[in-house]
Amino acid sequence: MIFTDRSVLNGPVGCGSSAAVLYMPSNNTDPLIKSYLVGTSLTSEESDTDAILLGIDTLIDKFRDISRKHTVKDVYILSDSASAIKTVDTDWLTHNIIQRLELIFQHLE
């Protein structure tokens, strides 16, 4: 399971960061926590979307460590932002999101 969240300072547009927590109940290890400063002029939706992408990136990191030891059947990403989920789930992507996805794909190689 991956829990995601974000924070934007000074209202609807401002300095924002995102966080992702990877919890694997069957692994008996501490949760893996990552955070990322997204930018200085962004919306809550952009920061929430980046938190989901950060969660995917965190998952890739963890799978590299455990892929030979465990089989993972299902992964759940939990987000409280319907608009961020819709953004990730559709073809409508902003330039910043495309850049983050390209970095994630490079990470897979």
PDB file of N, CA and C in Angstrom:
ATOM      1  N   MET A   1       0.832  -1.166   0.000  1.00  0.00           N
ATOM      2  CA  MET A   1       0.000   0.000   0.000  1.00  0.00           C
ATOM      3  C   MET A   1       0.886   1.242   0.000  1.00  0.00           C
ATOM      4  N   ILE A   2       0.452   2.211  -0.764  1.00  0.00           N
ATOM      5  CA  ILE A   2       1.154   3.487  -0.808  1.00  0.00           C
ATOM      6  C   ILE A   2       0.164   4.575  -0.421  1.00  0.00           C
ATOM      7  N   PHE A   3       0.526   5.344   0.587  1.00  0.00           N
ATOM      8  CA  PHE A   3      -0.278   6.482   1.014  1.00  0.00           C
ATOM      9  C   PHE A   3       0.390   7.743   0.492  1.00  0.00           C
ATOM     10  N   THR A   4      -0.375   8.632  -0.103  1.00  0.00           N
ATOM     11  CA  THR A   4       0.204   9.862  -0.650  1.00  0.00           C
ATOM     12  C   THR A   4      -0.477  11.077  -0.035  1.00  0.00           C
ATOM     13  N   ASP A   5       0.259  12.181   0.016  1.00  0.00           N
ATOM     14  CA  ASP A   5      -0.304  13.442   0.479  1.00  0.00           C
ATOM     15  C   ASP A   5       0.568  14.573  -0.020  1.00  0.00           C
ATOM     16  N   ARG A   6       0.066  15.790   0.140  1.00  0.00           N
ATOM     17  CA  ARG A   6       0.794  16.965  -0.315  1.00  0.00           C
ATOM     18  C   ARG A   6       0.534  18.128   0.613  1.00  0.00           C
ATOM     19  N   SER A   7       1.322  19.160   0.433  1.00  0.00           N
ATOM     20  CA  SER A   7       1.132  20.396   1.185  1.00  0.00           C
ATOM     21  C   SER A   7       1.493  21.561   0.277  1.00  0.00           C
ATOM     22  N   VAL A   8       0.646  22.585   0.269  1.00  0.00           N
ATOM     23  CA  VAL A   8       0.926  23.801  -0.492  1.00  0.00           C
ATOM     24  C   VAL A   8       0.832  24.974   0.471  1.00  0.00           C
ATOM     25  N   LEU A   9       1.883  25.774   0.530  1.00  0.00           N
ATOM     26  CA  LEU A   9       1.972  26.898   1.445  1.00  0.00           C
ATOM     27  C   LEU A   9       1.353  28.149   0.838  1.00  0.00           C
ATOM     28  N   ASN A  10       0.680  28.927   1.631  1.00  0.00           N
ATOM     29  CA  ASN A  10       0.123  30.234   1.248  1.00  0.00           C
ATOM     30  C   ASN A  10      -1.037  30.147   0.269  1.00  0.00           C
ATOM     31  N   GLY A  11      -1.982  29.267   0.500  1.00  0.00           N
ATOM     32  CA  GLY A  11      -3.199  29.274  -0.285  1.00  0.00           C
ATOM     33  C   GLY A  11      -3.232  28.279  -1.425  1.00  0.00           C
ATOM     34  N   PRO A  12      -4.120  28.543  -2.410  1.00  0.00           N
ATOM     35  CA  PRO A  12      -4.331  27.581  -3.491  1.00  0.00           C
ATOM     36  C   PRO A  12      -3.134  27.439  -4.428  1.00  0.00           C
ATOM     37  N   VAL A  13      -2.283  28.460  -4.509  1.00  0.00           N
ATOM     38  CA  VAL A  13      -1.068  28.369  -5.329  1.00  0.00           C
ATOM     39  C   VAL A  13       0.088  28.845  -4.469  1.00  0.00           C
ATOM     40  N   GLY A  14       1.157  28.057  -4.432  1.00  0.00           N
ATOM     41  CA  GLY A  14       2.300  28.439  -3.617  1.00  0.00           C
ATOM     42  C   GLY A  14       3.387  27.399  -3.673  1.00  0.00           C
ATOM     43  N   CYS A  15       4.257  27.407  -2.670  1.00  0.00           N
ATOM     44  CA  CYS A  15       5.358  26.453  -2.573  1.00  0.00           C
ATOM     45  C   CYS A  15       4.792  25.124  -2.094  1.00  0.00           C
ATOM     46  N   GLY A  16       5.073  24.061  -2.819  1.00  0.00           N
ATOM     47  CA  GLY A  16       4.458  22.784  -2.478  1.00  0.00           C
ATOM     48  C   GLY A  16       5.434  21.629  -2.398  1.00  0.00           C
ATOM     49  N   SER A  17       5.051  20.647  -1.607  1.00  0.00           N
ATOM     50  CA  SER A  17       5.827  19.430  -1.507  1.00  0.00           C
ATOM     51  C   SER A  17       4.869  18.247  -1.515  1.00  0.00           C
ATOM     52  N   SER A  18       5.417  17.070  -1.801  1.00  0.00           N
ATOM     53  CA  SER A  18       4.605  15.861  -1.815  1.00  0.00           C
ATOM     54  C   SER A  18       5.313  14.788  -1.012  1.00  0.00           C
ATOM     55  N   ALA A  19       4.543  13.807  -0.570  1.00  0.00           N
ATOM     56  CA  ALA A  19       5.107  12.718   0.210  1.00  0.00           C
ATOM     57  C   ALA A  19       4.407  11.414  -0.161  1.00  0.00           C
ATOM     58  N   ALA A  20       5.150  10.323  -0.024  1.00  0.00           N
ATOM     59  CA  ALA A  20       4.601   8.997  -0.248  1.00  0.00           C
ATOM     60  C   ALA A  20       5.151   8.065   0.825  1.00  0.00           C
ATOM     61  N   VAL A  21       4.285   7.222   1.343  1.00  0.00           N
ATOM     62  CA  VAL A  21       4.682   6.241   2.347  1.00  0.00           C
ATOM     63  C   VAL A  21       4.311   4.865   1.808  1.00  0.00           C
ATOM     64  N   LEU A  22       5.305   4.006   1.672  1.00  0.00           N
ATOM     65  CA  LEU A  22       5.096   2.633   1.204  1.00  0.00           C
ATOM     66  C   LEU A  22       5.058   1.724   2.420  1.00  0.00           C
ATOM     67  N   TYR A  23       3.954   1.031   2.596  1.00  0.00           N
ATOM     68  CA  TYR A  23       3.775   0.113   3.717  1.00  0.00           C
ATOM     69  C   TYR A  23       3.490  -1.269   3.158  1.00  0.00           C
ATOM     70  N   MET A  24       4.291  -2.239   3.581  1.00  0.00           N
ATOM     71  CA  MET A  24       4.122  -3.613   3.123  1.00  0.00           C
ATOM     72  C   MET A  24       3.841  -4.486   4.342  1.00  0.00           C
ATOM     73  N   PRO A  25       2.574  -4.760   4.629  1.00  0.00           N
ATOM     74  CA  PRO A  25       2.228  -5.479   5.863  1.00  0.00           C
ATOM     75  C   PRO A  25       2.840  -6.872   5.964  1.00  0.00           C
ATOM     76  N   SER A  26       3.079  -7.521   4.850  1.00  0.00           N
ATOM     77  CA  SER A  26       3.617  -8.887   4.903  1.00  0.00           C
ATOM     78  C   SER A  26       5.139  -8.917   5.009  1.00  0.00           C
ATOM     79  N   ASN A  27       5.779  -7.754   4.931  1.00  0.00           N
ATOM     80  CA  ASN A  27       7.239  -7.702   4.875  1.00  0.00           C
ATOM     81  C   ASN A  27       7.897  -7.499   6.236  1.00  0.00           C
ATOM     82  N   ASN A  28       7.137  -7.115   7.253  1.00  0.00           N
ATOM     83  CA  ASN A  28       7.656  -6.871   8.601  1.00  0.00           C
ATOM     84  C   ASN A  28       8.812  -5.878   8.636  1.00  0.00           C
ATOM     85  N   THR A  29       8.754  -4.864   7.821  1.00  0.00           N
ATOM     86  CA  THR A  29       9.770  -3.818   7.826  1.00  0.00           C
ATOM     87  C   THR A  29       9.104  -2.477   8.082  1.00  0.00           C
ATOM     88  N   ASP A  30       9.901  -1.499   8.450  1.00  0.00           N
ATOM     89  CA  ASP A  30       9.370  -0.156   8.642  1.00  0.00           C
ATOM     90  C   ASP A  30       8.900   0.411   7.312  1.00  0.00           C
ATOM     91  N   PRO A  31       7.905   1.272   7.347  1.00  0.00           N
ATOM     92  CA  PRO A  31       7.452   1.915   6.106  1.00  0.00           C
ATOM     93  C   PRO A  31       8.584   2.722   5.464  1.00  0.00           C
ATOM     94  N   LEU A  32       8.582   2.765   4.158  1.00  0.00           N
ATOM     95  CA  LEU A  32       9.544   3.558   3.404  1.00  0.00           C
ATOM     96  C   LEU A  32       8.890   4.900   3.104  1.00  0.00           C
ATOM     97  N   ILE A  33       9.531   5.993   3.537  1.00  0.00           N
ATOM     98  CA  ILE A  33       8.948   7.324   3.397  1.00  0.00           C
ATOM     99  C   ILE A  33       9.827   8.166   2.485  1.00  0.00           C
ATOM    100  N   LYS A  34       9.202   8.800   1.498  1.00  0.00           N
ATOM    101  CA  LYS A  34       9.906   9.719   0.613  1.00  0.00           C
ATOM    102  C   LYS A  34       9.131  11.022   0.535  1.00  0.00           C
ATOM    103  N   SER A  35       9.867  12.124   0.436  1.00  0.00           N
ATOM    104  CA  SER A  35       9.223  13.415   0.225  1.00  0.00           C
ATOM    105  C   SER A  35       9.991  14.160  -0.855  1.00  0.00           C
ATOM    106  N   TYR A  36       9.324  15.142  -1.452  1.00  0.00           N
ATOM    107  CA  TYR A  36       9.890  15.822  -2.608  1.00  0.00           C
ATOM    108  C   TYR A  36       9.360  17.249  -2.656  1.00  0.00           C
ATOM    109  N   LEU A  37      10.244  18.219  -2.798  1.00  0.00           N
ATOM    110  CA  LEU A  37       9.834  19.603  -2.994  1.00  0.00           C
ATOM    111  C   LEU A  37       9.461  19.756  -4.466  1.00  0.00           C
ATOM    112  N   VAL A  38       8.188  19.967  -4.721  1.00  0.00           N
ATOM    113  CA  VAL A  38       7.699  19.979  -6.097  1.00  0.00           C
ATOM    114  C   VAL A  38       8.042  21.281  -6.800  1.00  0.00           C
ATOM    115  N   GLY A  39       7.809  22.412  -6.147  1.00  0.00           N
ATOM    116  CA  GLY A  39       8.089  23.682  -6.796  1.00  0.00           C
ATOM    117  C   GLY A  39       7.585  24.849  -5.973  1.00  0.00           C
ATOM    118  N   THR A  40       7.726  26.037  -6.533  1.00  0.00           N
ATOM    119  CA  THR A  40       7.363  27.235  -5.788  1.00  0.00           C
ATOM    120  C   THR A  40       6.093  27.902  -6.295  1.00  0.00           C
ATOM    121  N   SER A  41       5.563  27.473  -7.408  1.00  0.00           N
ATOM    122  CA  SER A  41       4.345  28.081  -7.929  1.00  0.00           C
ATOM    123  C   SER A  41       3.473  26.997  -8.542  1.00  0.00           C
ATOM    124  N   LEU A  42       2.739  26.276  -7.690  1.00  0.00           N
ATOM    125  CA  LEU A  42       1.926  25.186  -8.183  1.00  0.00           C
ATOM    126  C   LEU A  42       0.626  25.099  -7.403  1.00  0.00           C
ATOM    127  N   THR A  43      -0.291  24.341  -7.961  1.00  0.00           N
ATOM    128  CA  THR A  43      -1.595  24.159  -7.327  1.00  0.00           C
ATOM    129  C   THR A  43      -1.572  22.904  -6.457  1.00  0.00           C
ATOM    130  N   SER A  44      -2.593  22.773  -5.642  1.00  0.00           N
ATOM    131  CA  SER A  44      -2.741  21.572  -4.813  1.00  0.00           C
ATOM    132  C   SER A  44      -2.848  20.325  -5.684  1.00  0.00           C
ATOM    133  N   GLU A  45      -3.582  20.440  -6.799  1.00  0.00           N
ATOM    134  CA  GLU A  45      -3.744  19.289  -7.699  1.00  0.00           C
ATOM    135  C   GLU A  45      -2.401  18.833  -8.259  1.00  0.00           C
ATOM    136  N   GLU A  46      -1.556  19.789  -8.664  1.00  0.00           N
ATOM    137  CA  GLU A  46      -0.240  19.431  -9.188  1.00  0.00           C
ATOM    138  C   GLU A  46       0.599  18.728  -8.123  1.00  0.00           C
ATOM    139  N   SER A  47       0.543  19.225  -6.904  1.00  0.00           N
ATOM    140  CA  SER A  47       1.300  18.623  -5.822  1.00  0.00           C
ATOM    141  C   SER A  47       0.754  17.239  -5.472  1.00  0.00           C
ATOM    142  N   ASP A  48      -0.573  17.072  -5.469  1.00  0.00           N
ATOM    143  CA  ASP A  48      -1.181  15.759  -5.226  1.00  0.00           C
ATOM    144  C   ASP A  48      -0.811  14.767  -6.323  1.00  0.00           C
ATOM    145  N   THR A  49      -0.815  15.217  -7.563  1.00  0.00           N
ATOM    146  CA  THR A  49      -0.433  14.355  -8.683  1.00  0.00           C
ATOM    147  C   THR A  49       1.016  13.925  -8.548  1.00  0.00           C
ATOM    148  N   ASP A  50       1.875  14.860  -8.157  1.00  0.00           N
ATOM    149  CA  ASP A  50       3.277  14.510  -7.968  1.00  0.00           C
ATOM    150  C   ASP A  50       3.454  13.511  -6.828  1.00  0.00           C
ATOM    151  N   ALA A  51       2.620  13.592  -5.800  1.00  0.00           N
ATOM    152  CA  ALA A  51       2.696  12.630  -4.704  1.00  0.00           C
ATOM    153  C   ALA A  51       2.399  11.216  -5.206  1.00  0.00           C
ATOM    154  N   ILE A  52       1.433  11.079  -6.115  1.00  0.00           N
ATOM    155  CA  ILE A  52       1.135   9.768  -6.699  1.00  0.00           C
ATOM    156  C   ILE A  52       2.329   9.267  -7.502  1.00  0.00           C
ATOM    157  N   LEU A  53       2.927  10.147  -8.297  1.00  0.00           N
ATOM    158  CA  LEU A  53       4.109   9.757  -9.081  1.00  0.00           C
ATOM    159  C   LEU A  53       5.274   9.392  -8.167  1.00  0.00           C
ATOM    160  N   LEU A  54       5.434  10.116  -7.072  1.00  0.00           N
ATOM    161  CA  LEU A  54       6.469   9.797  -6.100  1.00  0.00           C
ATOM    162  C   LEU A  54       6.215   8.427  -5.486  1.00  0.00           C
ATOM    163  N   GLY A  55       4.954   8.103  -5.252  1.00  0.00           N
ATOM    164  CA  GLY A  55       4.610   6.780  -4.751  1.00  0.00           C
ATOM    165  C   GLY A  55       4.994   5.677  -5.724  1.00  0.00           C
ATOM    166  N   ILE A  56       4.754   5.897  -7.000  1.00  0.00           N
ATOM    167  CA  ILE A  56       5.143   4.917  -8.022  1.00  0.00           C
ATOM    168  C   ILE A  56       6.657   4.758  -8.049  1.00  0.00           C
ATOM    169  N   ASP A  57       7.371   5.856  -7.978  1.00  0.00           N
ATOM    170  CA  ASP A  57       8.835   5.815  -7.972  1.00  0.00           C
ATOM    171  C   ASP A  57       9.356   5.083  -6.730  1.00  0.00           C
ATOM    172  N   THR A  58       8.731   5.330  -5.585  1.00  0.00           N
ATOM    173  CA  THR A  58       9.111   4.652  -4.347  1.00  0.00           C
ATOM    174  C   THR A  58       8.896   3.149  -4.477  1.00  0.00           C
ATOM    175  N   LEU A  59       7.794   2.777  -5.084  1.00  0.00           N
ATOM    176  CA  LEU A  59       7.484   1.370  -5.304  1.00  0.00           C
ATOM    177  C   LEU A  59       8.537   0.701  -6.189  1.00  0.00           C
ATOM    178  N   ILE A  60       8.955   1.390  -7.236  1.00  0.00           N
ATOM    179  CA  ILE A  60       9.995   0.844  -8.122  1.00  0.00           C
ATOM    180  C   ILE A  60      11.271   0.596  -7.336  1.00  0.00           C
ATOM    181  N   ASP A  61      11.663   1.568  -6.499  1.00  0.00           N
ATOM    182  CA  ASP A  61      12.853   1.387  -5.660  1.00  0.00           C
ATOM    183  C   ASP A  61      12.738   0.140  -4.789  1.00  0.00           C
ATOM    184  N   LYS A  62      11.600  -0.018  -4.146  1.00  0.00           N
ATOM    185  CA  LYS A  62      11.411  -1.148  -3.241  1.00  0.00           C
ATOM    186  C   LYS A  62      11.380  -2.465  -3.997  1.00  0.00           C
ATOM    187  N   PHE A  63      10.741  -2.498  -5.161  1.00  0.00           N
ATOM    188  CA  PHE A  63      10.676  -3.736  -5.937  1.00  0.00           C
ATOM    189  C   PHE A  63      12.047  -4.199  -6.381  1.00  0.00           C
ATOM    190  N   ARG A  64      12.917  -3.272  -6.629  1.00  0.00           N
ATOM    191  CA  ARG A  64      14.281  -3.675  -7.002  1.00  0.00           C
ATOM    192  C   ARG A  64      14.946  -4.450  -5.876  1.00  0.00           C
ATOM    193  N   ASP A  65      14.624  -4.097  -4.635  1.00  0.00           N
ATOM    194  CA  ASP A  65      15.211  -4.774  -3.480  1.00  0.00           C
ATOM    195  C   ASP A  65      14.569  -6.122  -3.193  1.00  0.00           C
ATOM    196  N   ILE A  66      13.273  -6.245  -3.427  1.00  0.00           N
ATOM    197  CA  ILE A  66      12.560  -7.449  -2.984  1.00  0.00           C
ATOM    198  C   ILE A  66      12.117  -8.371  -4.105  1.00  0.00           C
ATOM    199  N   SER A  67      12.293  -7.974  -5.358  1.00  0.00           N
ATOM    200  CA  SER A  67      11.700  -8.731  -6.465  1.00  0.00           C
ATOM    201  C   SER A  67      12.167 -10.178  -6.509  1.00  0.00           C
ATOM    202  N   ARG A  68      13.364 -10.446  -6.070  1.00  0.00           N
ATOM    203  CA  ARG A  68      13.862 -11.824  -6.109  1.00  0.00           C
ATOM    204  C   ARG A  68      13.366 -12.643  -4.923  1.00  0.00           C
ATOM    205  N   LYS A  69      12.902 -11.965  -3.883  1.00  0.00           N
ATOM    206  CA  LYS A  69      12.519 -12.656  -2.658  1.00  0.00           C
ATOM    207  C   LYS A  69      11.015 -12.869  -2.527  1.00  0.00           C
ATOM    208  N   HIS A  70      10.225 -11.950  -3.058  1.00  0.00           N
ATOM    209  CA  HIS A  70       8.781 -11.976  -2.843  1.00  0.00           C
ATOM    210  C   HIS A  70       8.033 -11.757  -4.153  1.00  0.00           C
ATOM    211  N   THR A  71       6.839 -12.297  -4.193  1.00  0.00           N
ATOM    212  CA  THR A  71       5.935 -12.029  -5.297  1.00  0.00           C
ATOM    213  C   THR A  71       4.867 -11.067  -4.803  1.00  0.00           C
ATOM    214  N   VAL A  72       4.689  -9.981  -5.519  1.00  0.00           N
ATOM    215  CA  VAL A  72       3.675  -8.996  -5.155  1.00  0.00           C
ATOM    216  C   VAL A  72       2.571  -9.071  -6.195  1.00  0.00           C
ATOM    217  N   LYS A  73       1.348  -9.328  -5.738  1.00  0.00           N
ATOM    218  CA  LYS A  73       0.239  -9.479  -6.662  1.00  0.00           C
ATOM    219  C   LYS A  73      -0.512  -8.179  -6.893  1.00  0.00           C
ATOM    220  N   ASP A  74      -0.730  -7.420  -5.832  1.00  0.00           N
ATOM    221  CA  ASP A  74      -1.524  -6.200  -5.928  1.00  0.00           C
ATOM    222  C   ASP A  74      -0.822  -5.058  -5.215  1.00  0.00           C
ATOM    223  N   VAL A  75      -0.962  -3.876  -5.784  1.00  0.00           N
ATOM    224  CA  VAL A  75      -0.449  -2.659  -5.167  1.00  0.00           C
ATOM    225  C   VAL A  75      -1.592  -1.650  -5.139  1.00  0.00           C
ATOM    226  N   TYR A  76      -1.783  -1.008  -4.010  1.00  0.00           N
ATOM    227  CA  TYR A  76      -2.826   0.001  -3.859  1.00  0.00           C
ATOM    228  C   TYR A  76      -2.171   1.341  -3.566  1.00  0.00           C
ATOM    229  N   ILE A  77      -2.552   2.351  -4.323  1.00  0.00           N
ATOM    230  CA  ILE A  77      -2.100   3.719  -4.070  1.00  0.00           C
ATOM    231  C   ILE A  77      -3.310   4.480  -3.551  1.00  0.00           C
ATOM    232  N   LEU A  78      -3.180   5.004  -2.334  1.00  0.00           N
ATOM    233  CA  LEU A  78      -4.279   5.693  -1.678  1.00  0.00           C
ATOM    234  C   LEU A  78      -4.025   7.194  -1.706  1.00  0.00           C
ATOM    235  N   SER A  79      -4.957   7.922  -2.297  1.00  0.00           N
ATOM    236  CA  SER A  79      -4.854   9.374  -2.410  1.00  0.00           C
ATOM    237  C   SER A  79      -6.198   9.984  -2.057  1.00  0.00           C
ATOM    238  N   ASP A  80      -6.163  11.152  -1.422  1.00  0.00           N
ATOM    239  CA  ASP A  80      -7.414  11.826  -1.090  1.00  0.00           C
ATOM    240  C   ASP A  80      -7.801  12.876  -2.141  1.00  0.00           C
ATOM    241  N   SER A  81      -7.165  12.830  -3.308  1.00  0.00           N
ATOM    242  CA  SER A  81      -7.424  13.820  -4.351  1.00  0.00           C
ATOM    243  C   SER A  81      -8.005  13.154  -5.601  1.00  0.00           C
ATOM    244  N   ALA A  82      -9.317  13.315  -5.778  1.00  0.00           N
ATOM    245  CA  ALA A  82      -9.972  12.749  -6.963  1.00  0.00           C
ATOM    246  C   ALA A  82      -9.424  13.359  -8.247  1.00  0.00           C
ATOM    247  N   SER A  83      -9.114  14.651  -8.230  1.00  0.00           N
ATOM    248  CA  SER A  83      -8.608  15.293  -9.449  1.00  0.00           C
ATOM    249  C   SER A  83      -7.215  14.780  -9.802  1.00  0.00           C
ATOM    250  N   ALA A  84      -6.375  14.502  -8.817  1.00  0.00           N
ATOM    251  CA  ALA A  84      -5.042  13.961  -9.104  1.00  0.00           C
ATOM    252  C   ALA A  84      -5.147  12.542  -9.664  1.00  0.00           C
ATOM    253  N   ILE A  85      -6.047  11.750  -9.109  1.00  0.00           N
ATOM    254  CA  ILE A  85      -6.261  10.390  -9.623  1.00  0.00           C
ATOM    255  C   ILE A  85      -6.738  10.452 -11.063  1.00  0.00           C
ATOM    256  N   LYS A  86      -7.666  11.357 -11.345  1.00  0.00           N
ATOM    257  CA  LYS A  86      -8.174  11.515 -12.714  1.00  0.00           C
ATOM    258  C   LYS A  86      -7.048  11.937 -13.657  1.00  0.00           C
ATOM    259  N   THR A  87      -6.177  12.837 -13.190  1.00  0.00           N
ATOM    260  CA  THR A  87      -5.060  13.296 -14.019  1.00  0.00           C
ATOM    261  C   THR A  87      -4.128  12.148 -14.370  1.00  0.00           C
ATOM    262  N   VAL A  88      -3.813  11.317 -13.395  1.00  0.00           N
ATOM    263  CA  VAL A  88      -2.909  10.188 -13.636  1.00  0.00           C
ATOM    264  C   VAL A  88      -3.591   9.121 -14.477  1.00  0.00           C
ATOM    265  N   ASP A  89      -4.907   9.009 -14.361  1.00  0.00           N
ATOM    266  CA  ASP A  89      -5.660   7.952 -15.028  1.00  0.00           C
ATOM    267  C   ASP A  89      -6.096   8.309 -16.445  1.00  0.00           C
ATOM    268  N   THR A  90      -5.850   9.518 -16.908  1.00  0.00           N
ATOM    269  CA  THR A  90      -6.277   9.920 -18.248  1.00  0.00           C
ATOM    270  C   THR A  90      -5.072  10.309 -19.091  1.00  0.00           C
ATOM    271  N   ASP A  91      -5.351  10.637 -20.326  1.00  0.00           N
ATOM    272  CA  ASP A  91      -4.280  11.041 -21.235  1.00  0.00           C
ATOM    273  C   ASP A  91      -3.937  12.522 -21.106  1.00  0.00           C
ATOM    274  N   TRP A  92      -4.689  13.257 -20.285  1.00  0.00           N
ATOM    275  CA  TRP A  92      -4.445  14.685 -20.130  1.00  0.00           C
ATOM    276  C   TRP A  92      -3.353  14.897 -19.098  1.00  0.00           C
ATOM    277  N   LEU A  93      -2.154  15.165 -19.565  1.00  0.00           N
ATOM    278  CA  LEU A  93      -1.011  15.326 -18.677  1.00  0.00           C
ATOM    279  C   LEU A  93      -0.312  16.650 -18.967  1.00  0.00           C
ATOM    280  N   THR A  94       0.093  17.340 -17.920  1.00  0.00           N
ATOM    281  CA  THR A  94       0.832  18.582 -18.093  1.00  0.00           C
ATOM    282  C   THR A  94       2.294  18.277 -18.388  1.00  0.00           C
ATOM    283  N   HIS A  95       3.014  19.285 -18.811  1.00  0.00           N
ATOM    284  CA  HIS A  95       4.439  19.134 -19.134  1.00  0.00           C
ATOM    285  C   HIS A  95       5.222  18.628 -17.924  1.00  0.00           C
ATOM    286  N   ASN A  96       4.931  19.159 -16.733  1.00  0.00           N
ATOM    287  CA  ASN A  96       5.657  18.729 -15.524  1.00  0.00           C
ATOM    288  C   ASN A  96       5.413  17.262 -15.212  1.00  0.00           C
ATOM    289  N   ILE A  97       4.176  16.808 -15.379  1.00  0.00           N
ATOM    290  CA  ILE A  97       3.866  15.408 -15.112  1.00  0.00           C
ATOM    291  C   ILE A  97       4.554  14.510 -16.123  1.00  0.00           C
ATOM    292  N   ILE A  98       4.592  14.921 -17.369  1.00  0.00           N
ATOM    293  CA  ILE A  98       5.285  14.138 -18.400  1.00  0.00           C
ATOM    294  C   ILE A  98       6.771  14.023 -18.065  1.00  0.00           C
ATOM    295  N   GLN A  99       7.374  15.115 -17.618  1.00  0.00           N
ATOM    296  CA  GLN A  99       8.791  15.078 -17.220  1.00  0.00           C
ATOM    297  C   GLN A  99       9.008  14.093 -16.079  1.00  0.00           C
ATOM    298  N   ARG A 100       8.134  14.109 -15.067  1.00  0.00           N
ATOM    299  CA  ARG A 100       8.267  13.188 -13.936  1.00  0.00           C
ATOM    300  C   ARG A 100       8.095  11.737 -14.401  1.00  0.00           C
ATOM    301  N   LEU A 101       7.142  11.480 -15.301  1.00  0.00           N
ATOM    302  CA  LEU A 101       6.954  10.121 -15.808  1.00  0.00           C
ATOM    303  C   LEU A 101       8.172   9.659 -16.600  1.00  0.00           C
ATOM    304  N   GLU A 102       8.782  10.548 -17.356  1.00  0.00           N
ATOM    305  CA  GLU A 102       9.988  10.177 -18.097  1.00  0.00           C
ATOM    306  C   GLU A 102      11.097   9.783 -17.145  1.00  0.00           C
ATOM    307  N   LEU A 103      11.249  10.488 -16.035  1.00  0.00           N
ATOM    308  CA  LEU A 103      12.251  10.120 -15.038  1.00  0.00           C
ATOM    309  C   LEU A 103      11.946   8.759 -14.424  1.00  0.00           C
ATOM    310  N   ILE A 104      10.660   8.488 -14.162  1.00  0.00           N
ATOM    311  CA  ILE A 104      10.278   7.198 -13.605  1.00  0.00           C
ATOM    312  C   ILE A 104      10.589   6.079 -14.603  1.00  0.00           C
ATOM    313  N   PHE A 105      10.266   6.293 -15.886  1.00  0.00           N
ATOM    314  CA  PHE A 105      10.566   5.282 -16.896  1.00  0.00           C
ATOM    315  C   PHE A 105      12.069   5.043 -17.024  1.00  0.00           C
ATOM    316  N   GLN A 106      12.866   6.083 -16.925  1.00  0.00           N
ATOM    317  CA  GLN A 106      14.315   5.931 -16.951  1.00  0.00           C
ATOM    318  C   GLN A 106      14.776   5.110 -15.750  1.00  0.00           C
ATOM    319  N   HIS A 107      14.135   5.322 -14.625  1.00  0.00           N
ATOM    320  CA  HIS A 107      14.456   4.592 -13.408  1.00  0.00           C
ATOM    321  C   HIS A 107      14.192   3.088 -13.582  1.00  0.00           C
ATOM    322  N   LEU A 108      13.218   2.752 -14.407  1.00  0.00           N
ATOM    323  CA  LEU A 108      12.894   1.352 -14.659  1.00  0.00           C
ATOM    324  C   LEU A 108      13.970   0.624 -15.476  1.00  0.00           C
ATOM    325  N   GLU A 109      14.713   1.373 -16.255  1.00  0.00           N
ATOM    326  CA  GLU A 109      15.701   0.742 -17.146  1.00  0.00           C
ATOM    327  C   GLU A 109      16.875   0.167 -16.385  1.00  0.00           C
TER     328      GLU A 109
END
